[in-house]
Protein backbone atom coordinates (compact mmCIF):
# COMPACT_ATOMS: atom_id res chain seq x y z
CA MET A 1 -2.53 -64.65 -9.39
CA THR A 2 0.49 -62.58 -10.44
CA ALA A 3 -1.09 -61.83 -13.83
CA VAL A 4 -4.28 -60.63 -12.11
CA PHE A 5 -2.23 -58.48 -9.74
CA SER A 6 -0.28 -57.06 -12.68
CA VAL A 7 -3.49 -56.17 -14.56
CA SER A 8 -5.02 -54.55 -11.48
CA MET A 9 -1.83 -52.54 -10.82
CA THR A 10 -1.76 -51.46 -14.47
CA ALA A 11 -5.36 -50.28 -14.10
CA LEU A 12 -4.47 -48.51 -10.85
CA TRP A 13 -1.56 -46.67 -12.45
CA LEU A 14 -3.71 -45.78 -15.47
CA GLY A 15 -6.39 -44.41 -13.14
CA ALA A 16 -3.82 -42.42 -11.17
CA MET A 17 -2.41 -40.99 -14.38
CA ILE A 18 -5.87 -39.96 -15.62
CA VAL A 19 -6.74 -38.30 -12.30
CA LEU A 20 -3.42 -36.45 -12.26
CA LEU A 21 -3.93 -35.26 -15.84
CA ILE A 22 -7.43 -34.03 -14.98
CA VAL A 23 -6.03 -32.13 -11.99
CA GLU A 24 -3.38 -30.67 -14.28
CA ALA A 25 -6.01 -29.56 -16.79
CA LEU A 26 -8.13 -27.88 -14.11
CA ALA A 27 -5.34 -26.17 -12.17
CA PRO A 28 -3.80 -22.87 -13.18
CA GLY A 29 -0.14 -23.50 -13.93
CA LEU A 30 1.74 -26.76 -13.73
CA VAL A 31 1.00 -28.75 -10.57
CA SER A 32 0.84 -32.49 -11.25
CA ILE A 33 2.21 -33.26 -14.69
CA TRP A 34 5.39 -34.72 -13.16
CA PHE A 35 3.43 -37.26 -11.14
CA ALA A 36 1.37 -38.18 -14.21
CA LEU A 37 4.66 -38.98 -15.96
CA GLY A 38 5.71 -41.06 -12.93
CA ALA A 39 2.40 -42.94 -13.07
CA LEU A 40 2.98 -43.60 -16.78
CA ALA A 41 6.42 -45.05 -16.03
CA ALA A 42 4.98 -47.21 -13.23
CA MET A 43 2.15 -48.38 -15.51
CA ILE A 44 4.64 -49.42 -18.20
CA SER A 45 6.73 -51.30 -15.66
CA SER A 46 3.54 -53.01 -14.38
CA MET A 47 2.63 -54.06 -17.93
CA LEU A 48 6.12 -55.55 -18.27
CA GLY A 49 5.57 -57.60 -15.10
CA ALA A 50 7.73 -55.65 -12.65
CA PRO A 51 7.08 -56.25 -8.94
CA LEU A 52 5.24 -53.59 -6.93
CA TRP A 53 8.40 -52.25 -5.26
CA LEU A 54 9.97 -51.61 -8.68
CA GLN A 55 6.79 -49.91 -9.92
CA LEU A 56 6.93 -47.59 -6.92
CA VAL A 57 10.61 -46.90 -7.55
CA TRP A 58 9.85 -45.99 -11.17
CA PHE A 59 6.95 -43.77 -10.09
CA PHE A 60 9.03 -41.81 -7.58
CA LEU A 61 12.19 -41.73 -9.69
CA VAL A 62 10.50 -40.43 -12.85
CA SER A 63 8.35 -37.98 -10.85
CA VAL A 64 11.30 -36.50 -8.99
CA VAL A 65 13.64 -36.37 -11.99
CA SER A 66 11.03 -34.75 -14.25
CA LEU A 67 10.14 -32.29 -11.47
CA LEU A 68 13.78 -31.32 -10.92
CA LEU A 69 14.47 -30.96 -14.64
CA THR A 70 11.39 -28.99 -15.64
CA ARG A 71 10.19 -27.06 -12.57
CA PRO A 72 12.64 -24.14 -12.95
CA LEU A 73 11.64 -23.74 -16.61
CA ALA A 74 7.95 -24.06 -15.77
CA LYS A 75 8.20 -21.38 -13.08
CA LYS A 76 10.03 -19.06 -15.43
CA TYR A 77 7.89 -19.45 -18.55
CA VAL A 78 4.46 -20.60 -17.35
CA ASN A 79 3.77 -19.36 -13.84
CA GLY A 80 6.05 -16.30 -13.79
CA ARG A 81 4.27 -14.04 -16.24
CA ALA A 82 3.47 -11.07 -14.02
CA VAL A 83 2.79 -8.15 -16.29
CA PRO A 84 3.85 -4.80 -14.89
CA THR A 85 1.36 -1.98 -15.35
CA ASN A 86 1.99 1.67 -16.05
CA ALA A 87 1.13 2.33 -12.40
CA ASP A 88 4.37 0.55 -11.43
CA MET A 89 6.27 3.40 -13.10
CA ALA A 90 5.37 5.64 -10.14
CA ILE A 91 7.39 3.49 -7.73
CA GLY A 92 10.72 5.09 -6.90
CA LYS A 93 9.69 8.47 -8.32
CA ASP A 94 9.49 11.74 -6.49
CA CYS A 95 6.01 13.08 -5.82
CA VAL A 96 4.60 16.34 -4.54
CA VAL A 97 1.91 16.38 -1.84
CA THR A 98 -1.22 18.08 -3.24
CA GLU A 99 -3.42 17.37 -0.20
CA THR A 100 -1.93 17.02 3.28
CA ILE A 101 -1.28 13.34 4.05
CA ASP A 102 -2.55 12.26 7.45
CA ASN A 103 -2.56 8.51 8.05
CA VAL A 104 -4.60 8.85 11.24
CA ARG A 105 -7.41 10.69 9.44
CA GLY A 106 -7.00 8.68 6.24
CA THR A 107 -6.49 11.69 3.97
CA GLY A 108 -3.91 12.76 1.45
CA ALA A 109 -2.95 12.92 -2.20
CA VAL A 110 0.20 13.34 -4.27
CA SER A 111 1.06 14.21 -7.84
CA VAL A 112 3.56 11.98 -9.61
CA GLY A 113 4.20 11.93 -13.33
CA GLY A 114 1.27 14.25 -13.94
CA LYS A 115 -1.18 11.92 -12.19
CA ILE A 116 -2.92 12.47 -8.86
CA TRP A 117 -2.82 9.53 -6.44
CA THR A 118 -4.48 8.97 -3.10
CA ALA A 119 -1.50 8.59 -0.82
CA ARG A 120 -0.51 7.35 2.62
CA MET A 121 2.79 7.56 4.43
CA ALA A 122 4.82 4.38 4.87
CA SER A 123 5.07 5.02 8.62
CA PRO A 124 1.81 4.17 10.47
CA GLU A 125 1.24 7.59 11.99
CA GLY A 126 2.87 9.52 9.16
CA ARG A 127 1.94 13.02 8.11
CA ALA A 128 3.19 15.28 5.29
CA GLU A 129 2.12 18.84 4.51
CA LYS A 130 1.00 20.13 1.12
CA GLY A 131 3.96 20.98 -1.13
CA THR A 132 6.34 18.45 0.48
CA VAL A 133 8.41 16.35 -1.94
CA LEU A 134 8.30 12.64 -1.07
CA ARG A 135 9.39 9.33 -2.65
CA ALA A 136 6.85 6.69 -3.83
CA VAL A 137 7.80 3.27 -2.42
CA ARG A 138 4.91 0.92 -3.29
CA ILE A 139 1.28 0.61 -4.27
CA GLU A 140 -1.35 -0.90 -1.97
CA GLY A 141 -4.69 -1.22 -3.71
CA VAL A 142 -5.36 2.24 -5.18
CA LYS A 143 -3.12 4.11 -2.76
CA LEU A 144 0.45 5.17 -3.35
CA ILE A 145 2.59 4.57 -0.27
CA VAL A 146 5.19 7.30 0.13
CA GLU A 147 8.05 8.14 2.46
CA GLU A 148 10.25 11.10 3.15
CA LYS A 149 13.20 11.54 0.81
CA ARG A 150 16.71 11.30 2.12
CA GLU A 151 18.38 14.68 2.22
CA THR A 152 21.15 13.60 -0.19
CA GLU A 153 18.65 12.78 -2.96
CA GLU A 154 17.83 15.25 -5.70
CA VAL A 155 14.29 16.05 -6.90
CA HIS A 156 13.27 14.01 -9.99
CA ALA A 157 9.56 14.90 -10.20
């Protein structure tokens, strides 16, 4: 009976490993490779006749250790490849209002770096008149979100 149990557990671990590898292949980024390695370790221990509790220990131990050792590297090199665009260069720059910004009416535009952007004030009911110098703080969709400059800042348009 133990031999039959060992074979069925080996098959179970093999199946788990295959499913986890399929999930890994279909998912963007690394999500389950660590558990596939844990299933491999458990399958090997099952083939060597280890009891179920030891197989589970190997599964969790190898999964956790491989996750802890590789997850920071995986996040840095695989999942963390955000590519900045040239639009990001507008953030932090000074801009000049070319069309009065009125958040309530949903109007306004600014010029920054020789480009015209649709703009909104960072404050919900913000308003800025044409010719005002503001600071670009972020991009939301196709709109540049701007705020008033502090009085100690110099113009860098």
